[in-house]
Amino acid sequence: MEIDRSQLPLFFSDYLTYLDVIRGKAKRTVNEYYHDNELFLRWLHCTMQKKPVSECADVVLAEITVSELEQVTVSVLYDYIRYLRDVRGNTPRSVSRRLSAVRSLFKYLTKTKGMLANDPCQNLELPTVKKALPRFLTLEESQRMLQSAEEAPSHDTLRDYCIVTLFLNCGFRLAELVGMNVGDVDFYNRQVRVLGKGSKERIVYLNDACLAALHDYIHARENPPEEPNALFLSRNHRRISRRRVQQIVENTLAAAGLAGRGLSTHKLRHTAATLMYQHGHVDTLTLKEILGHQSIATTEIYTHLSSEQRQNAIDSNPLAGERRHEPKHGT
């Protein structure tokens, strides 16, 4: 959905332009920051005008002024957190994400533009987000999924098998896979160019399974005049949509008997990283480059150990063989 900048206050429109032009954020990311801050600004206007929050949707964004933002304190932000939690039913993770966008807006207005003297987000503590181990497929389950993709009675079997293969072997993001072009694949150097988050390019090397799947699919597919560059195509010869890829993954998981476990394209990304870490003994720095993470801390969520690895780690302790000595009697 295109954002109608003419309906926004100037400071908000300029902020979105800053994210796009200066920070180089992807269009989808800019839209997410827009929606999160739009919600905050509507709530803030109702709060400052002593109106019920049920009227937030009726707020005219263009009427919101910087002077209202000048009145925001940490206490006001805590009230907003309560609104997100109690009225909108947001989880701690969703609250943290929304507040991250608000932080970004205030940072822009204080440090970048100098429109505000103080940043109330500097001393803001966010709700604790419970960290759970992400879901992933085991090696055997991954093999079952590949087999299901290969045996699917579909006109698009080669395409779907190639998609699943790339997800499970390379850990691509959904947007990265959908955005791939035929020219991005370099069979000679065994690699593919990927456009990741923030429009950052990286090179990912392809193993034999990926090269074979890509070769079979590319040589069998039609080359439509409408979108000759797009790698993965829909039946109408257009670039495949994110939703269609999600459906392909969902159908393949169901065929493999793996449905109903909350698995998704992103969980296949996690699976690829986990398999490389557990079975390929790939270090976290290498995984960071393959996955396109900015921070090693993000990569570390993929390095949880299997129960067998944890058991082996404890067993490898040099004191593992020590036993209590029975006291000698009669001495």
Protein backbone atom coordinates (compact mmCIF):
# COMPACT_ATOMS: atom_id res chain seq x y z
CA MET A 1 0.00 0.00 0.00
CA GLU A 2 1.32 3.41 -1.00
CA ILE A 3 1.53 5.97 1.80
CA ASP A 4 -0.29 9.23 1.02
CA ARG A 5 2.32 11.72 2.23
CA SER A 6 -0.05 14.66 1.60
CA GLN A 7 -2.17 13.52 4.54
CA LEU A 8 0.76 13.53 7.00
CA PRO A 9 2.28 16.28 9.12
CA LEU A 10 5.46 17.57 7.49
CA PHE A 11 7.78 16.22 10.21
CA PHE A 12 6.34 12.71 9.75
CA SER A 13 6.56 12.83 5.96
CA ASP A 14 10.16 14.05 6.16
CA TYR A 15 10.98 11.23 8.60
CA LEU A 16 9.72 8.60 6.15
CA THR A 17 11.74 10.21 3.35
CA TYR A 18 14.81 10.08 5.61
CA LEU A 19 14.32 6.36 6.20
CA ASP A 20 14.00 5.76 2.47
CA VAL A 21 16.63 8.07 0.99
CA ILE A 22 19.27 8.44 3.72
CA ARG A 23 18.97 5.22 5.71
CA GLY A 24 18.19 3.12 2.62
CA LYS A 25 15.43 1.16 4.31
CA ALA A 26 13.41 -1.22 2.16
CA LYS A 27 9.92 -0.12 1.16
CA ARG A 28 8.35 -2.77 3.37
CA THR A 29 10.39 -1.58 6.37
CA VAL A 30 9.40 2.05 5.77
CA ASN A 31 5.75 0.98 5.67
CA GLU A 32 6.15 -0.88 8.97
CA TYR A 33 7.74 2.17 10.62
CA TYR A 34 4.91 4.28 9.23
CA HIS A 35 2.16 2.08 10.64
CA ASP A 36 3.79 1.75 14.07
CA ASN A 37 4.36 5.49 14.41
CA GLU A 38 0.95 6.31 12.94
CA LEU A 39 -0.63 4.30 15.75
CA PHE A 40 1.48 6.11 18.36
CA LEU A 41 0.69 9.57 16.95
CA ARG A 42 -3.05 8.87 16.85
CA TRP A 43 -2.99 7.61 20.43
CA LEU A 44 -0.89 10.57 21.56
CA HIS A 45 -3.25 13.09 19.96
CA CYS A 46 -6.26 11.50 21.69
CA THR A 47 -4.38 11.47 25.00
CA MET A 48 -3.30 15.10 24.75
CA GLN A 49 -6.79 16.19 23.70
CA LYS A 50 -8.40 14.17 26.54
CA LYS A 51 -10.37 12.10 24.06
CA PRO A 52 -11.19 8.37 24.50
CA VAL A 53 -8.73 6.08 22.76
CA SER A 54 -11.66 4.52 20.91
CA GLU A 55 -11.56 7.63 18.72
CA CYS A 56 -7.93 7.11 17.65
CA ALA A 57 -8.95 5.93 14.18
CA ASP A 58 -10.76 9.24 13.58
CA VAL A 59 -7.69 11.40 14.25
CA VAL A 60 -6.59 13.50 11.29
CA LEU A 61 -2.85 12.90 11.10
CA ALA A 62 -2.14 16.21 9.36
CA GLU A 63 -3.38 18.07 12.45
CA ILE A 64 -0.77 16.51 14.76
CA THR A 65 1.99 18.95 15.67
CA VAL A 66 5.52 18.71 17.02
CA SER A 67 4.37 20.56 20.14
CA GLU A 68 2.43 17.46 21.17
CA LEU A 69 5.62 15.40 20.90
CA GLU A 70 7.41 17.93 23.11
CA GLN A 71 5.05 16.96 25.95
CA VAL A 72 5.95 13.26 25.79
CA THR A 73 7.72 11.94 28.88
CA VAL A 74 8.74 8.47 29.99
CA SER A 75 5.49 8.29 31.98
CA VAL A 76 3.51 9.02 28.81
CA LEU A 77 5.36 6.24 27.01
CA TYR A 78 4.57 3.84 29.86
CA ASP A 79 0.89 4.75 29.43
CA TYR A 80 1.26 3.93 25.74
CA ILE A 81 2.77 0.55 26.61
CA ARG A 82 -0.25 -0.15 28.84
CA TYR A 83 -2.54 0.82 25.95
CA LEU A 84 -0.74 -1.56 23.59
CA ARG A 85 -0.84 -4.39 26.12
CA ASP A 86 -4.27 -3.98 27.72
CA VAL A 87 -6.39 -2.41 24.97
CA ARG A 88 -4.81 -3.75 21.79
CA GLY A 89 -3.66 -7.05 23.31
CA ASN A 90 -0.11 -6.80 21.95
CA THR A 91 2.46 -9.31 23.15
CA PRO A 92 5.71 -8.07 24.77
CA ARG A 93 7.49 -8.79 21.47
CA SER A 94 4.98 -6.69 19.50
CA VAL A 95 5.18 -3.90 22.07
CA SER A 96 8.98 -3.85 21.78
CA ARG A 97 8.76 -3.71 18.00
CA ARG A 98 6.30 -0.81 18.06
CA LEU A 99 8.39 1.09 20.60
CA SER A 100 11.47 0.55 18.46
CA ALA A 101 9.76 2.53 15.69
CA VAL A 102 8.81 5.28 18.15
CA ARG A 103 12.42 5.42 19.36
CA SER A 104 13.52 5.87 15.76
CA LEU A 105 11.12 8.77 15.24
CA PHE A 106 12.25 10.60 18.39
CA LYS A 107 15.91 10.03 17.53
CA TYR A 108 15.28 11.60 14.13
CA LEU A 109 13.47 14.61 15.62
CA THR A 110 16.15 15.23 18.27
CA LYS A 111 19.54 14.27 16.83
CA THR A 112 18.96 14.53 13.08
CA LYS A 113 16.57 17.47 12.77
CA GLY A 114 16.95 19.21 16.15
CA MET A 115 13.21 19.84 16.29
CA LEU A 116 12.98 18.47 19.84
CA ALA A 117 15.32 19.30 22.71
CA ASN A 118 14.85 16.07 24.67
CA ASP A 119 14.38 12.45 23.70
CA PRO A 120 12.01 10.72 26.18
CA CYS A 121 12.97 7.31 24.81
CA GLN A 122 16.53 7.54 26.15
CA ASN A 123 15.49 6.39 29.63
CA LEU A 124 12.72 4.07 28.49
CA GLU A 125 12.83 0.44 29.59
CA LEU A 126 10.94 -2.03 27.41
CA PRO A 127 8.96 -5.08 28.55
CA THR A 128 11.02 -8.23 28.88
CA VAL A 129 10.58 -10.48 25.87
CA LYS A 130 10.64 -14.16 26.70
CA LYS A 131 13.17 -15.88 24.49
CA ALA A 132 12.04 -19.27 23.30
CA LEU A 133 13.96 -21.70 21.15
CA PRO A 134 12.83 -21.19 17.54
CA ARG A 135 11.21 -24.08 15.70
CA PHE A 136 13.16 -25.95 13.05
CA LEU A 137 13.20 -29.21 11.14
CA THR A 138 15.55 -32.04 11.95
CA LEU A 139 17.77 -33.50 9.23
CA GLU A 140 15.38 -36.42 8.73
CA GLU A 141 12.35 -34.10 8.55
CA SER A 142 14.16 -31.86 6.05
CA GLN A 143 14.83 -34.88 3.86
CA ARG A 144 11.16 -35.86 4.07
CA MET A 145 10.15 -32.38 2.98
CA LEU A 146 12.48 -32.47 -0.01
CA GLN A 147 11.11 -35.87 -0.99
CA SER A 148 7.54 -34.54 -0.79
CA ALA A 149 8.47 -31.57 -2.98
CA GLU A 150 10.07 -33.90 -5.52
CA GLU A 151 7.10 -36.24 -5.66
CA ALA A 152 4.39 -33.56 -5.77
CA PRO A 153 2.08 -34.19 -8.77
CA SER A 154 2.23 -30.61 -10.03
CA HIS A 155 3.02 -28.78 -13.25
CA ASP A 156 5.36 -26.67 -11.15
CA THR A 157 7.20 -29.49 -9.37
CA LEU A 158 10.65 -28.39 -10.60
CA ARG A 159 10.03 -24.82 -9.44
CA ASP A 160 8.64 -25.84 -6.06
CA TYR A 161 11.41 -28.37 -5.45
CA CYS A 162 13.99 -25.69 -6.30
CA ILE A 163 12.38 -23.22 -3.88
CA VAL A 164 12.37 -25.71 -1.00
CA THR A 165 15.95 -26.74 -1.80
CA LEU A 166 17.21 -23.15 -1.65
CA PHE A 167 15.39 -22.45 1.60
CA LEU A 168 16.73 -25.56 3.34
CA ASN A 169 20.29 -25.28 2.02
CA CYS A 170 20.96 -21.53 2.00
CA GLY A 171 18.57 -20.05 4.55
CA PHE A 172 17.29 -17.23 2.35
CA ARG A 173 14.69 -14.80 3.59
CA LEU A 174 11.32 -14.96 1.83
CA ALA A 175 11.78 -11.51 0.24
CA GLU A 176 15.27 -12.45 -0.93
CA LEU A 177 14.09 -15.56 -2.74
CA VAL A 178 11.10 -13.82 -4.35
CA GLY A 179 13.31 -10.96 -5.54
CA MET A 180 15.91 -13.15 -7.25
CA ASN A 181 16.54 -12.70 -10.97
CA VAL A 182 17.85 -15.25 -13.47
CA GLY A 183 20.95 -13.10 -13.94
CA ASP A 184 21.75 -13.30 -10.24
CA VAL A 185 22.64 -16.99 -10.59
CA ASP A 186 26.25 -17.65 -11.59
CA PHE A 187 26.66 -21.34 -12.38
CA TYR A 188 30.33 -20.99 -13.32
CA ASN A 189 31.34 -19.54 -9.95
CA ARG A 190 28.69 -21.53 -8.07
CA GLN A 191 27.07 -18.52 -6.42
CA VAL A 192 24.02 -16.27 -6.39
CA ARG A 193 23.74 -12.55 -5.75
CA VAL A 194 21.20 -11.76 -3.03
CA LEU A 195 19.55 -8.44 -2.24
CA GLY A 196 19.01 -8.52 1.52
CA LYS A 197 17.63 -6.22 4.17
CA GLY A 198 18.30 -2.54 3.63
CA SER A 199 19.05 -3.23 -0.04
CA LYS A 200 22.41 -4.73 0.96
CA GLU A 201 23.88 -7.14 -1.56
CA ARG A 202 25.74 -10.28 -0.62
CA ILE A 203 27.07 -13.34 -2.42
CA VAL A 204 25.90 -16.77 -1.30
CA TYR A 205 27.69 -19.85 -2.60
CA LEU A 206 25.61 -22.72 -3.95
CA ASN A 207 26.18 -26.39 -3.21
CA ASP A 208 25.58 -29.25 -5.64
CA ALA A 209 21.94 -29.71 -4.57
CA CYS A 210 21.11 -26.05 -5.23
CA LEU A 211 22.97 -25.96 -8.55
CA ALA A 212 21.20 -29.10 -9.78
CA ALA A 213 17.76 -27.84 -8.71
CA LEU A 214 18.34 -24.43 -10.31
CA HIS A 215 19.69 -25.99 -13.53
CA ASP A 216 16.68 -28.29 -13.90
CA TYR A 217 14.17 -25.54 -13.19
CA ILE A 218 15.72 -22.78 -15.32
CA HIS A 219 16.17 -25.03 -18.36
CA ALA A 220 12.61 -26.35 -18.14
CA ARG A 221 10.76 -23.10 -17.48
CA GLU A 222 9.34 -20.82 -20.13
CA ASN A 223 10.99 -17.45 -20.67
CA PRO A 224 8.06 -15.02 -20.62
CA PRO A 225 8.35 -11.64 -22.33
CA GLU A 226 6.45 -9.99 -19.46
CA GLU A 227 9.10 -10.58 -16.81
CA PRO A 228 12.11 -12.32 -18.39
CA ASN A 229 14.40 -11.42 -15.47
CA ALA A 230 12.39 -12.88 -12.59
CA LEU A 231 13.77 -16.23 -11.46
CA PHE A 232 10.68 -17.76 -9.89
CA LEU A 233 7.45 -17.29 -11.83
CA SER A 234 3.78 -17.82 -11.12
CA ARG A 235 1.45 -19.57 -13.53
CA ASN A 236 0.54 -16.25 -15.13
CA HIS A 237 4.23 -15.76 -15.98
CA ARG A 238 4.71 -12.98 -13.43
CA ARG A 239 7.24 -12.83 -10.60
CA ILE A 240 5.99 -15.19 -7.94
CA SER A 241 4.39 -13.52 -4.91
CA ARG A 242 5.43 -13.99 -1.31
CA ARG A 243 2.06 -15.47 -0.47
CA ARG A 244 2.35 -18.08 -3.23
CA VAL A 245 5.78 -19.15 -1.95
CA GLN A 246 4.31 -19.45 1.54
CA GLN A 247 1.54 -21.65 0.15
CA ILE A 248 4.09 -23.85 -1.61
CA VAL A 249 5.96 -24.34 1.66
CA GLU A 250 2.75 -24.98 3.60
CA ASN A 251 1.55 -27.56 1.06
CA THR A 252 4.91 -29.32 0.99
CA LEU A 253 5.05 -29.48 4.79
CA ALA A 254 1.54 -30.96 4.85
CA ALA A 255 2.47 -33.57 2.25
CA ALA A 256 5.46 -34.55 4.38
CA GLY A 257 3.27 -34.92 7.49
CA LEU A 258 4.80 -31.84 9.10
CA ALA A 259 1.79 -29.52 9.18
CA GLY A 260 0.34 -27.98 12.34
CA ARG A 261 3.67 -27.16 13.98
CA GLY A 262 3.84 -23.46 13.29
CA LEU A 263 6.49 -23.93 10.61
CA SER A 264 6.99 -21.29 7.91
CA THR A 265 9.46 -20.04 5.31
CA HIS A 266 11.37 -18.30 8.10
CA LYS A 267 11.56 -21.56 10.04
CA LEU A 268 13.20 -23.12 6.97
CA ARG A 269 15.79 -20.34 7.15
CA HIS A 270 16.36 -21.31 10.75
CA THR A 271 16.53 -24.97 9.76
CA ALA A 272 19.25 -24.29 7.19
CA ALA A 273 21.36 -22.44 9.75
CA THR A 274 20.83 -25.14 12.36
CA LEU A 275 21.81 -27.94 9.96
CA MET A 276 24.97 -26.08 8.92
CA TYR A 277 25.85 -25.45 12.56
CA GLN A 278 25.05 -28.88 13.99
CA HIS A 279 26.02 -31.17 11.12
CA GLY A 280 28.43 -29.05 9.10
CA HIS A 281 30.14 -27.51 12.16
CA VAL A 282 29.99 -24.07 10.53
CA ASP A 283 31.13 -21.30 12.89
CA THR A 284 28.87 -18.38 13.80
CA LEU A 285 30.91 -15.78 11.90
CA THR A 286 30.51 -17.72 8.67
CA LEU A 287 26.80 -18.21 9.37
CA LYS A 288 26.49 -14.46 9.93
CA GLU A 289 27.81 -13.78 6.42
CA ILE A 290 25.68 -16.47 4.79
CA LEU A 291 22.48 -15.28 6.46
CA GLY A 292 23.20 -11.58 5.96
CA HIS A 293 22.97 -10.57 9.61
CA GLN A 294 24.30 -7.22 10.74
CA SER A 295 25.12 -8.45 14.24
CA ILE A 296 26.64 -11.70 15.44
CA ALA A 297 24.12 -11.59 18.31
CA THR A 298 21.34 -12.22 15.79
CA THR A 299 23.16 -15.24 14.43
CA GLU A 300 23.60 -16.75 17.88
CA ILE A 301 19.90 -17.61 18.11
CA TYR A 302 20.55 -20.19 15.40
CA THR A 303 23.29 -21.93 17.37
CA HIS A 304 21.22 -23.64 20.04
CA LEU A 305 22.61 -27.08 20.66
CA SER A 306 20.84 -30.37 20.29
CA SER A 307 20.26 -32.52 23.38
CA GLU A 308 22.90 -34.95 22.07
CA GLN A 309 25.45 -32.14 21.77
CA ARG A 310 24.67 -30.96 25.30
CA GLN A 311 25.08 -34.51 26.61
CA ASN A 312 28.37 -34.92 24.76
CA ALA A 313 29.60 -31.63 26.15
CA ILE A 314 28.97 -32.75 29.73
CA ASP A 315 30.47 -36.19 29.06
CA SER A 316 33.62 -34.58 27.65
CA ASN A 317 34.45 -32.95 30.98
CA PRO A 318 37.75 -34.49 32.18
CA LEU A 319 36.18 -35.02 35.61
CA ALA A 320 33.37 -37.15 34.17
CA GLY A 321 35.13 -40.37 35.17
CA GLU A 322 35.74 -39.43 38.76
CA ARG A 323 33.89 -41.47 41.42
CA ARG A 324 33.62 -41.18 45.18
CA HIS A 325 36.07 -43.47 46.87
CA GLU A 326 34.61 -45.80 49.46
CA PRO A 327 36.24 -45.28 52.87
CA LYS A 328 38.58 -48.05 53.91
CA HIS A 329 37.42 -49.91 57.00
CA GLY A 330 39.65 -51.12 59.77
CA THR A 331 42.32 -48.46 59.35
